[in-house]
Amino acid sequence: MGGFVITGVPDRQTKFEGKITFYLVICAVIAATGGLMFGYDIGISGGVTSMDDFLLKFFPSVYNKKKHAKEDNYCKYDDHKLQLFTSSLYLAALVSCFFASAMCRRFGRKLTIQVSSIFFFIGVILNVQADGLHMLIAGRILLGIGVGFANQAVPLFLSEIAPFHIRGGLNILFQLNITIGILVANIVNYYASKIPLYGWKLSLGLAGVPALILCLGAFLITETPTSLIQHGRSADGLEVLKRIRGTHNVEAEFQEILQASEAASLVERPFMSIFHRSSFPQLVIGSLLQFFQQFTGINAIMFYAPVLFEAIGFKSNVSLLSAVTIGIVNLIGSVVSLLVVDKVGRKLLLLEGCLQMFLAMAAIGAVLVTNGQKNQALDSDSAMGVVIFAALFVTGFAWSWGPLAWLIPSEIFPLETRTAGYAVAVSSNMLFTFVIAQMYLSMLCHMRAGVFFFFSMWIAIMGIFVAVFLPETKNIPMDEMVSRVWKKHWYWKRYMDDGTRSLKMEALYDAYSY
């Protein structure tokens, strides 16, 4: 059955009915808690690695460098084992998202979400009980498996239950929860740093709260109509569709999902199909958006915000408080994105974000080049400038590349390659998150302020890519993306009509046309 690739549905611009129902909101809010797990971990890592008790227990050599009076400010945290503490999670997530893809396809999105919370919770227990570096890293690996499963299943779940006209906003609940998790983690770090000996345990242990909420909450949510229909439960899928749409007039949408599911059933090996010529546009866009998201430099700031601020001369508590400030503007930016993404579109937000991030990142580099010295703290005006520019950078990211790098890949793949294609996109994110997490402190040490110009260069490149190659997907049903987006794009349309679709597929489309 590998002799053809399904490339879309007929070009009929259907308008489906759908309300924002209470049950839809409940399902979306609970599922998006997977983002809370991910965000809390992003925020907690940098804060914990700046706590003296944590460093003394697991990374004594870093503790000694930190306390060395003449140590180069940019290099005090340059330690591969310390970076492995952060990055090991993302390496585990990279591998696990492929298993999560298979689980999504075979058992559904809901169960995959629930399994993610179980892995994450076990990882939290190991971290809190860790008495050595090996146990600490083992816990991080289990956290990474949980993150990989959640990041694979949650955005797909949100996109599939959402009415197409609010799909962007509903999907951004995932990113909104990531930003909430980061903010909560920064606040926890600020107060936990004042607790001697056990503050780091409190910071790491509270990661179990969102995992517990997600595990128990998963019993209250439904499987997506698409997944139910794909698994032969068409009657259940129709009833769920009526419930989450708040109307009985769902026949048009139901038939389109049914058609896509029938088409998807003809593809036995989706991971082979995504490398076919007609899947190339979605694969490139999905993977590059995730790659570019990491090379904005956002996680260099969010992972290590307290460490970064300490490296340029802030005191420990002040650096944690500065990280809280960054977390607040991150949350505000995500709310803005949620409110406007389905009105102004994806492409405009990405381009505006590129301009804002480029200017802010370059300004940080300029301040540090002008005023930063190896062994001296910044003066108060320069330090405040760094915080302000970092806040502007994070705001620009939060309403553009933060949510949209997750949203767009979750909505552009046809059903037959959706879980496999999204797994490749997520794995790209985890791979380059791992690279940044593992290398950033060393880059900061060796490149110093130049690291911010390095990321500025990448932001300029991604802005050009978006302007030239990214199509707009606002207000287009997921199962009509090929016919209404890819076949009409000036560049990507050349990959769509390659003559590989079989007569059997054409007959299938004709049978469901109406």
Protein backbone atom coordinates (compact mmCIF):
# COMPACT_ATOMS: atom_id res chain seq x y z
CA MET A 1 0.00 0.00 0.00
CA GLY A 2 3.02 2.26 -0.22
CA GLY A 3 2.45 3.17 -3.90
CA PHE A 4 0.49 6.36 -3.28
CA VAL A 5 0.31 9.30 -0.93
CA ILE A 6 -2.86 11.10 0.01
CA THR A 7 -2.45 14.79 -0.58
CA GLY A 8 -5.70 16.38 0.46
CA VAL A 9 -9.42 16.74 0.06
CA PRO A 10 -11.47 18.38 -2.64
CA ASP A 11 -11.32 22.15 -2.76
CA ARG A 12 -14.61 23.03 -1.12
CA GLN A 13 -14.45 25.90 1.30
CA THR A 14 -16.89 24.54 3.88
CA LYS A 15 -17.99 26.61 6.84
CA PHE A 16 -18.61 24.34 9.81
CA GLU A 17 -20.79 25.23 12.76
CA GLY A 18 -19.35 25.24 16.25
CA LYS A 19 -19.81 27.03 19.54
CA ILE A 20 -17.42 27.50 22.44
CA THR A 21 -19.11 25.04 24.79
CA PHE A 22 -18.38 24.52 28.47
CA TYR A 23 -17.28 20.93 27.86
CA LEU A 24 -14.93 22.06 25.07
CA VAL A 25 -13.31 24.53 27.46
CA ILE A 26 -12.98 21.89 30.21
CA CYS A 27 -11.31 19.43 27.82
CA ALA A 28 -8.95 22.09 26.50
CA VAL A 29 -7.96 23.45 29.92
CA ILE A 30 -7.26 20.00 31.36
CA ALA A 31 -5.26 18.81 28.33
CA ALA A 32 -3.27 22.05 28.23
CA THR A 33 -1.99 21.23 31.73
CA GLY A 34 0.61 19.22 29.82
CA GLY A 35 2.11 22.58 28.95
CA LEU A 36 2.17 23.46 32.64
CA MET A 37 4.43 20.46 33.29
CA PHE A 38 6.78 21.48 30.50
CA GLY A 39 6.85 25.15 31.49
CA TYR A 40 7.44 24.45 35.17
CA ASP A 41 10.46 22.35 34.28
CA ILE A 42 11.88 25.03 31.96
CA GLY A 43 11.55 27.61 34.73
CA ILE A 44 12.73 25.46 37.59
CA SER A 45 16.00 24.28 36.03
CA GLY A 46 17.81 27.61 35.98
CA GLY A 47 16.65 28.57 39.47
CA VAL A 48 17.69 25.31 41.06
CA THR A 49 21.10 25.39 39.40
CA SER A 50 21.76 28.78 41.00
CA MET A 51 20.99 27.48 44.54
CA ASP A 52 24.10 26.90 46.64
CA ASP A 53 22.75 23.85 48.49
CA PHE A 54 21.88 22.13 45.21
CA LEU A 55 25.27 22.90 43.68
CA LEU A 56 27.13 21.80 46.81
CA LYS A 57 25.33 18.44 46.82
CA PHE A 58 25.47 17.55 43.13
CA PHE A 59 27.99 19.92 41.49
CA PRO A 60 30.61 20.91 44.09
CA SER A 61 33.13 22.02 41.45
CA VAL A 62 30.63 24.57 40.11
CA TYR A 63 29.93 25.73 43.65
CA ASN A 64 33.63 26.34 44.18
CA LYS A 65 33.93 28.28 40.91
CA LYS A 66 30.86 30.35 41.79
CA LYS A 67 32.40 31.36 45.12
CA HIS A 68 35.82 32.13 43.62
CA ALA A 69 36.29 35.85 43.95
CA LYS A 70 38.22 36.31 40.70
CA GLU A 71 36.22 33.93 38.54
CA ASP A 72 35.19 35.21 35.10
CA ASN A 73 31.52 36.20 35.43
CA TYR A 74 30.67 34.62 32.08
CA CYS A 75 32.27 31.27 32.95
CA LYS A 76 31.30 30.54 36.55
CA TYR A 77 28.58 28.05 35.49
CA ASP A 78 30.42 26.49 32.55
CA ASP A 79 30.21 22.81 33.48
CA HIS A 80 29.12 19.98 31.18
CA LYS A 81 27.57 17.92 33.98
CA LEU A 82 25.51 20.89 35.12
CA GLN A 83 24.34 21.43 31.56
CA LEU A 84 23.53 17.72 31.32
CA PHE A 85 21.16 18.13 34.28
CA THR A 86 19.05 20.44 32.10
CA SER A 87 19.63 18.93 28.68
CA SER A 88 19.14 15.21 29.53
CA LEU A 89 15.40 15.82 29.78
CA TYR A 90 15.25 17.02 26.19
CA LEU A 91 17.30 14.16 24.83
CA ALA A 92 14.83 11.74 26.46
CA ALA A 93 11.91 13.77 25.08
CA LEU A 94 13.43 13.60 21.58
CA VAL A 95 13.41 9.81 21.59
CA SER A 96 10.10 9.38 23.41
CA CYS A 97 8.05 11.54 21.05
CA PHE A 98 8.37 8.86 18.34
CA PHE A 99 6.92 6.25 20.70
CA ALA A 100 4.26 8.79 21.65
CA SER A 101 3.39 9.20 17.97
CA ALA A 102 2.78 5.46 17.61
CA MET A 103 0.71 5.47 20.80
CA CYS A 104 -1.36 8.44 19.59
CA ARG A 105 -2.12 6.66 16.36
CA ARG A 106 -2.88 3.28 17.90
CA PHE A 107 -4.49 4.14 21.25
CA GLY A 108 -5.57 7.74 20.87
CA ARG A 109 -4.58 11.17 22.12
CA LYS A 110 -6.27 10.96 25.52
CA LEU A 111 -4.43 7.87 26.79
CA THR A 112 -1.12 9.26 25.52
CA ILE A 113 -1.70 12.43 27.53
CA GLN A 114 -2.44 10.42 30.66
CA VAL A 115 0.66 8.25 30.24
CA SER A 116 2.77 11.40 29.92
CA SER A 117 1.67 12.54 33.37
CA ILE A 118 2.58 9.18 34.93
CA PHE A 119 6.13 9.22 33.55
CA PHE A 120 6.53 12.82 34.68
CA PHE A 121 5.29 12.11 38.20
CA ILE A 122 7.68 9.18 38.66
CA GLY A 123 10.53 11.39 37.46
CA VAL A 124 9.61 14.01 40.06
CA ILE A 125 9.79 11.39 42.83
CA LEU A 126 13.26 10.31 41.71
CA ASN A 127 14.50 13.91 41.58
CA VAL A 128 13.26 14.73 45.06
CA GLN A 129 14.75 11.54 46.51
CA ALA A 130 18.03 11.81 44.58
CA ASP A 131 21.14 11.30 46.69
CA GLY A 132 23.58 11.41 43.79
CA LEU A 133 23.97 12.72 40.26
CA HIS A 134 23.04 9.42 38.60
CA MET A 135 19.67 9.27 40.34
CA LEU A 136 19.09 12.94 39.56
CA ILE A 137 19.75 12.39 35.84
CA ALA A 138 17.56 9.23 35.86
CA GLY A 139 14.71 11.33 37.19
CA ARG A 140 15.33 13.95 34.51
CA ILE A 141 15.15 11.25 31.83
CA LEU A 142 11.74 10.12 33.08
CA LEU A 143 10.61 13.75 33.14
CA GLY A 144 11.79 13.97 29.55
CA ILE A 145 9.72 10.95 28.51
CA GLY A 146 6.69 12.62 30.08
CA VAL A 147 7.43 15.88 28.26
CA GLY A 148 7.89 14.04 24.95
CA PHE A 149 4.54 12.28 25.28
CA ALA A 150 2.74 15.46 26.36
CA ASN A 151 4.26 17.67 23.68
CA GLN A 152 3.29 15.13 21.05
CA ALA A 153 -0.30 14.54 22.15
CA VAL A 154 -1.56 17.80 23.69
CA PRO A 155 -1.24 20.17 20.69
CA LEU A 156 -2.79 17.53 18.41
CA PHE A 157 -5.62 17.03 20.90
CA LEU A 158 -6.31 20.77 21.11
CA SER A 159 -6.22 21.28 17.35
CA GLU A 160 -8.56 18.35 16.71
CA ILE A 161 -11.24 19.34 19.24
CA ALA A 162 -11.20 23.04 18.31
CA PRO A 163 -13.70 24.66 15.92
CA PHE A 164 -11.57 25.81 12.98
CA HIS A 165 -12.32 29.51 13.52
CA ILE A 166 -10.77 29.47 17.04
CA ARG A 167 -8.23 26.68 16.52
CA GLY A 168 -5.30 29.04 16.96
CA GLY A 169 -6.51 30.49 20.24
CA LEU A 170 -7.47 27.11 21.70
CA ASN A 171 -4.16 25.53 20.71
CA ILE A 172 -2.27 28.43 22.29
CA LEU A 173 -3.66 27.32 25.66
CA PHE A 174 -0.74 24.87 25.54
CA GLN A 175 1.81 27.68 25.24
CA LEU A 176 -0.12 29.77 27.78
CA ASN A 177 0.26 26.94 30.28
CA ILE A 178 3.96 26.72 29.47
CA THR A 179 4.33 30.41 30.36
CA ILE A 180 2.26 29.97 33.54
CA GLY A 181 4.49 27.05 34.49
CA ILE A 182 7.62 29.15 33.93
CA LEU A 183 6.23 32.00 36.02
CA VAL A 184 5.16 29.71 38.86
CA ALA A 185 8.56 28.02 38.81
CA ASN A 186 10.36 31.37 39.02
CA ILE A 187 8.23 32.42 41.99
CA VAL A 188 8.81 29.06 43.70
CA ASN A 189 12.55 29.38 43.08
CA TYR A 190 12.61 32.86 44.59
CA TYR A 191 11.11 31.69 47.89
CA ALA A 192 12.67 28.21 47.91
CA SER A 193 16.15 29.74 47.58
CA LYS A 194 15.66 31.18 51.07
CA ILE A 195 15.02 27.73 52.59
CA PRO A 196 18.33 26.18 53.71
CA LEU A 197 19.23 22.62 52.69
CA TYR A 198 15.80 21.62 51.31
CA GLY A 199 14.79 24.54 49.10
CA TRP A 200 15.85 22.72 45.94
CA LYS A 201 13.74 19.69 46.93
CA LEU A 202 10.67 21.91 47.22
CA SER A 203 11.33 23.44 43.80
CA LEU A 204 11.74 20.06 42.11
CA GLY A 205 8.95 18.36 44.07
CA LEU A 206 6.20 20.83 43.17
CA ALA A 207 6.58 19.73 39.54
CA GLY A 208 4.40 16.79 40.55
CA VAL A 209 1.35 19.02 41.01
CA PRO A 210 0.58 19.67 37.32
CA ALA A 211 1.35 16.01 36.55
CA LEU A 212 -1.20 14.91 39.14
CA ILE A 213 -3.79 17.38 37.81
CA LEU A 214 -3.29 16.08 34.27
CA CYS A 215 -3.43 12.41 35.28
CA LEU A 216 -6.69 12.76 37.22
CA GLY A 217 -8.18 15.33 34.85
CA ALA A 218 -7.69 12.98 31.89
CA PHE A 219 -10.55 10.87 33.26
CA LEU A 220 -12.90 13.81 32.65
CA ILE A 221 -12.01 14.61 29.05
CA THR A 222 -13.08 12.90 25.86
CA GLU A 223 -11.07 11.37 23.08
CA THR A 224 -11.04 13.58 20.00
CA PRO A 225 -13.71 12.88 17.35
CA THR A 226 -10.96 12.40 14.77
CA SER A 227 -9.26 9.69 16.84
CA LEU A 228 -12.55 7.92 17.60
CA ILE A 229 -13.55 7.88 13.94
CA GLN A 230 -10.06 6.78 12.93
CA HIS A 231 -10.41 3.78 15.26
CA GLY A 232 -13.73 2.70 13.77
CA ARG A 233 -15.97 4.27 16.43
CA SER A 234 -17.84 6.57 14.06
CA ALA A 235 -21.04 6.71 16.10
CA ASP A 236 -19.10 7.73 19.23
CA GLY A 237 -17.13 10.24 17.20
CA LEU A 238 -20.33 11.82 15.90
CA GLU A 239 -21.79 12.13 19.41
CA VAL A 240 -18.60 13.67 20.80
CA LEU A 241 -18.50 16.09 17.86
CA LYS A 242 -22.06 17.19 18.62
CA ARG A 243 -21.21 17.63 22.30
CA ILE A 244 -18.07 19.71 21.88
CA ARG A 245 -19.58 21.80 19.05
CA GLY A 246 -22.81 22.48 20.95
CA THR A 247 -24.97 21.74 17.89
CA HIS A 248 -26.46 18.78 16.06
CA ASN A 249 -25.62 20.35 12.71
CA VAL A 250 -22.18 18.74 12.39
CA GLU A 251 -22.79 16.47 9.42
CA ALA A 252 -20.50 18.40 7.07
CA GLU A 253 -17.58 18.32 9.50
CA PHE A 254 -18.27 14.70 10.42
CA GLN A 255 -18.20 13.65 6.76
CA GLU A 256 -14.93 15.46 6.18
CA ILE A 257 -13.29 13.77 9.19
CA LEU A 258 -14.73 10.43 8.05
CA GLN A 259 -13.30 10.93 4.58
CA ALA A 260 -9.88 11.86 5.99
CA SER A 261 -9.97 8.81 8.28
CA GLU A 262 -10.81 6.49 5.41
CA ALA A 263 -7.92 7.96 3.47
CA ALA A 264 -5.60 7.63 6.45
CA SER A 265 -6.51 3.97 6.89
CA LEU A 266 -4.93 3.24 3.50
CA VAL A 267 -1.53 4.34 4.76
CA GLU A 268 0.03 1.53 6.77
CA ARG A 269 3.41 3.17 7.43
CA PRO A 270 2.94 6.89 8.04
CA PHE A 271 6.60 7.39 8.93
CA MET A 272 7.48 6.30 5.41
CA SER A 273 4.79 8.50 3.87
CA ILE A 274 5.99 11.71 5.49
CA PHE A 275 9.20 11.48 3.47
CA HIS A 276 7.27 11.34 0.22
CA ARG A 277 7.51 14.34 -2.10
CA SER A 278 3.94 15.52 -1.40
CA SER A 279 4.66 15.64 2.37
CA PHE A 280 7.84 17.65 1.91
CA PRO A 281 6.28 21.13 2.42
CA GLN A 282 4.63 20.24 5.74
CA LEU A 283 7.74 18.40 6.93
CA VAL A 284 10.03 21.33 6.12
CA ILE A 285 7.74 23.95 7.65
CA GLY A 286 7.00 21.88 10.78
CA SER A 287 10.64 20.99 11.45
CA LEU A 288 12.14 24.39 10.63
CA LEU A 289 9.64 26.25 12.80
CA GLN A 290 10.73 24.11 15.75
CA PHE A 291 14.41 24.54 14.86
CA PHE A 292 14.01 28.29 14.52
CA GLN A 293 12.08 28.53 17.80
CA GLN A 294 15.12 27.28 19.69
CA PHE A 295 17.55 29.44 17.76
CA THR A 296 15.69 32.58 18.73
CA GLY A 297 17.71 32.12 21.92
CA ILE A 298 14.59 31.94 24.10
CA ASN A 299 15.63 28.92 26.12
CA ALA A 300 19.06 30.39 26.59
CA ILE A 301 17.22 33.08 28.54
CA MET A 302 14.40 31.01 30.09
CA PHE A 303 16.49 27.99 31.20
CA TYR A 304 19.23 30.06 32.66
CA ALA A 305 17.58 33.40 33.46
CA PRO A 306 18.77 33.43 37.11
CA VAL A 307 22.20 32.13 36.08
CA LEU A 308 22.41 34.66 33.25
CA PHE A 309 21.52 37.58 35.50
CA GLU A 310 24.03 36.41 38.09
CA ALA A 311 26.66 36.09 35.35
CA ILE A 312 26.28 39.77 34.45
CA GLY A 313 26.49 40.88 38.06
CA PHE A 314 23.11 40.55 39.79
CA LYS A 315 23.05 39.07 43.28
CA SER A 316 21.37 35.67 43.66
CA ASN A 317 17.98 36.77 45.02
CA VAL A 318 17.84 39.75 42.68
CA SER A 319 18.55 37.50 39.70
CA LEU A 320 15.70 35.19 40.69
CA LEU A 321 13.39 38.18 41.08
CA SER A 322 14.43 39.40 37.62
CA ALA A 323 13.53 35.96 36.28
CA VAL A 324 10.07 36.33 37.86
CA THR A 325 9.67 39.62 35.99
CA ILE A 326 10.58 37.85 32.74
CA GLY A 327 8.01 35.18 33.56
CA ILE A 328 5.26 37.77 34.00
CA VAL A 329 5.87 39.45 30.64
CA ASN A 330 6.06 35.99 29.06
CA LEU A 331 2.58 35.24 30.37
CA ILE A 332 1.20 38.58 29.18
CA GLY A 333 2.58 38.00 25.69
CA SER A 334 0.96 34.56 25.51
CA VAL A 335 -2.43 35.99 26.46
CA VAL A 336 -2.10 38.57 23.68
CA SER A 337 -1.34 35.82 21.18
CA LEU A 338 -4.34 33.78 22.30
CA LEU A 339 -6.63 36.77 21.73
CA VAL A 340 -5.35 37.89 18.31
CA VAL A 341 -3.95 34.84 16.49
CA ASP A 342 -7.23 33.95 14.76
CA LYS A 343 -7.79 37.58 13.77
CA VAL A 344 -4.44 38.83 12.47
CA GLY A 345 -3.11 35.42 11.42
CA ARG A 346 0.01 33.39 12.08
CA LYS A 347 2.38 34.96 9.57
CA LEU A 348 2.01 38.58 10.70
CA LEU A 349 2.62 37.63 14.34
CA LEU A 350 5.75 35.69 13.43
CA LEU A 351 7.17 38.58 11.41
CA GLU A 352 6.45 41.15 14.12
CA GLY A 353 8.01 38.82 16.67
CA CYS A 354 11.16 38.51 14.56
CA LEU A 355 11.57 42.28 14.35
CA GLN A 356 11.03 42.79 18.08
CA MET A 357 13.29 39.90 19.13
CA PHE A 358 16.06 40.93 16.73
CA LEU A 359 16.20 44.47 18.09
CA ALA A 360 16.00 43.35 21.74
CA MET A 361 18.63 40.62 21.44
CA ALA A 362 21.02 42.92 19.57
CA ALA A 363 20.46 45.61 22.23
CA ILE A 364 21.37 43.18 25.03
CA GLY A 365 24.57 42.29 23.20
CA ALA A 366 25.38 45.96 22.66
CA VAL A 367 24.90 46.78 26.36
CA LEU A 368 27.14 43.92 27.45
CA VAL A 369 29.85 44.70 24.88
CA THR A 370 29.87 48.34 25.94
CA ASN A 371 29.65 47.91 29.70
CA GLY A 372 30.28 44.30 30.68
CA GLN A 373 33.63 43.25 32.10
CA LYS A 374 34.87 39.80 32.96
CA ASN A 375 35.06 40.22 36.68
CA GLN A 376 32.84 43.22 37.31
CA ALA A 377 29.10 43.64 37.69
CA LEU A 378 27.22 45.96 35.34
CA ASP A 379 26.38 49.38 36.64
CA SER A 380 22.76 49.79 37.73
CA ASP A 381 21.57 51.55 34.56
CA SER A 382 23.12 48.96 32.26
CA ALA A 383 21.78 46.08 34.38
CA MET A 384 18.28 47.55 34.25
CA GLY A 385 18.66 47.93 30.48
CA VAL A 386 19.45 44.23 30.14
CA VAL A 387 16.32 43.30 32.11
CA ILE A 388 14.14 45.64 30.03
CA PHE A 389 15.50 44.37 26.71
CA ALA A 390 15.17 40.76 27.92
CA ALA A 391 11.53 41.48 28.81
CA LEU A 392 10.92 42.97 25.35
CA PHE A 393 12.54 39.95 23.75
CA VAL A 394 10.46 37.49 25.77
CA THR A 395 7.24 39.43 25.05
CA GLY A 396 7.92 39.31 21.31
CA PHE A 397 8.62 35.59 21.54
CA ALA A 398 5.56 34.89 23.69
CA TRP A 399 3.05 36.20 21.18
CA SER A 400 4.79 34.78 18.11
CA TRP A 401 7.36 32.01 17.96
CA GLY A 402 6.48 30.58 21.37
CA PRO A 403 2.92 29.44 20.60
CA LEU A 404 2.98 29.39 16.80
CA ALA A 405 5.90 26.97 16.47
CA TRP A 406 3.64 24.46 18.25
CA LEU A 407 0.36 25.52 16.63
CA ILE A 408 1.32 25.51 12.95
CA PRO A 409 2.89 22.01 12.82
CA SER A 410 -0.15 20.59 14.65
CA GLU A 411 -2.56 21.90 12.01
CA ILE A 412 -0.77 21.52 8.65
CA PHE A 413 -0.35 17.74 8.30
CA PRO A 414 -3.16 15.66 6.72
CA LEU A 415 -4.63 13.03 9.03
CA GLU A 416 -2.79 10.10 7.44
CA THR A 417 0.59 11.55 8.40
CA ARG A 418 -0.46 13.84 11.26
CA THR A 419 0.95 11.96 14.25
CA ALA A 420 4.12 10.92 12.40
CA GLY A 421 4.73 14.35 10.92
CA TYR A 422 4.12 16.09 14.20
CA ALA A 423 6.48 13.63 15.92
CA VAL A 424 9.26 14.71 13.54
CA ALA A 425 8.48 18.36 14.31
CA VAL A 426 8.49 17.77 18.08
CA SER A 427 11.68 15.74 17.88
CA SER A 428 13.30 18.65 16.03
CA ASN A 429 12.32 20.93 18.89
CA MET A 430 13.65 18.55 21.52
CA LEU A 431 16.89 17.96 19.59
CA PHE A 432 17.73 21.64 19.33
CA THR A 433 16.48 22.36 22.84
CA PHE A 434 18.98 19.71 23.97
CA VAL A 435 21.73 21.35 21.90
CA ILE A 436 21.03 24.81 23.34
CA ALA A 437 20.68 23.51 26.90
CA GLN A 438 23.91 21.52 26.66
CA MET A 439 25.96 24.23 24.95
CA TYR A 440 24.62 27.60 26.12
CA LEU A 441 26.67 28.07 29.28
CA SER A 442 29.81 27.12 27.38
CA MET A 443 28.82 29.50 24.57
CA LEU A 444 28.28 32.26 27.13
CA CYS A 445 31.72 31.58 28.58
CA HIS A 446 33.58 31.57 25.27
CA MET A 447 31.52 34.00 23.17
CA ARG A 448 30.47 36.29 26.03
CA ALA A 449 28.25 39.09 24.70
CA GLY A 450 28.75 37.72 21.18
CA VAL A 451 26.26 34.94 21.94
CA PHE A 452 23.44 37.48 21.74
CA PHE A 453 24.57 38.64 18.28
CA PHE A 454 24.73 34.97 17.28
CA PHE A 455 21.03 34.54 18.07
CA SER A 456 20.20 37.89 16.43
CA MET A 457 21.63 36.55 13.17
CA TRP A 458 19.35 33.50 13.34
CA ILE A 459 16.31 35.65 14.07
CA ALA A 460 16.99 37.65 10.88
CA ILE A 461 17.26 34.41 8.88
CA MET A 462 13.99 33.03 10.22
CA GLY A 463 12.19 36.28 9.48
CA ILE A 464 13.23 36.03 5.83
CA PHE A 465 12.10 32.38 5.72
CA VAL A 466 8.65 33.23 7.10
CA ALA A 467 8.19 36.14 4.70
CA VAL A 468 9.04 34.03 1.65
CA PHE A 469 7.95 30.45 2.37
CA LEU A 470 5.33 30.30 5.14
CA PRO A 471 1.67 30.21 3.97
CA GLU A 472 -1.15 31.57 6.11
CA THR A 473 -3.32 28.87 7.76
CA LYS A 474 -5.77 31.06 9.67
CA ASN A 475 -9.44 29.92 9.60
CA ILE A 476 -8.84 26.90 7.35
CA PRO A 477 -10.12 23.45 8.45
CA MET A 478 -7.28 21.01 9.06
CA ASP A 479 -8.50 18.50 6.47
CA GLU A 480 -8.60 21.20 3.75
CA MET A 481 -5.03 22.43 4.18
CA VAL A 482 -3.67 20.67 1.10
CA SER A 483 -6.27 21.98 -1.33
CA ARG A 484 -6.57 25.50 0.11
CA VAL A 485 -3.01 26.16 1.29
CA TRP A 486 -0.29 23.96 -0.18
CA LYS A 487 -1.70 23.64 -3.70
CA LYS A 488 -2.05 27.42 -3.94
CA HIS A 489 1.30 28.50 -2.50
CA TRP A 490 3.70 29.95 -5.09
CA TYR A 491 6.51 27.60 -4.13
CA TRP A 492 5.09 24.55 -2.34
CA LYS A 493 2.42 23.79 -4.98
CA ARG A 494 5.11 22.15 -7.15
CA TYR A 495 5.28 19.30 -4.59
CA MET A 496 1.54 18.60 -4.56
CA ASP A 497 0.66 17.33 -8.04
CA ASP A 498 3.16 14.57 -8.64
CA GLY A 499 0.75 11.97 -10.03
CA THR A 500 1.14 9.49 -7.20
CA ARG A 501 -2.42 9.45 -5.99
CA SER A 502 -4.12 6.20 -6.93
CA LEU A 503 -7.43 5.66 -8.69
CA LYS A 504 -8.66 4.07 -5.48
CA MET A 505 -8.08 7.34 -3.66
CA GLU A 506 -9.90 9.33 -6.32
CA ALA A 507 -12.85 6.99 -6.00
CA LEU A 508 -12.79 7.45 -2.24
CA TYR A 509 -12.92 11.24 -2.57
CA ASP A 510 -15.79 10.99 -5.08
CA ALA A 511 -17.74 8.73 -2.73
CA TYR A 512 -17.61 11.33 0.05
CA SER A 513 -18.15 14.45 -2.05
CA TYR A 514 -21.37 16.32 -1.36
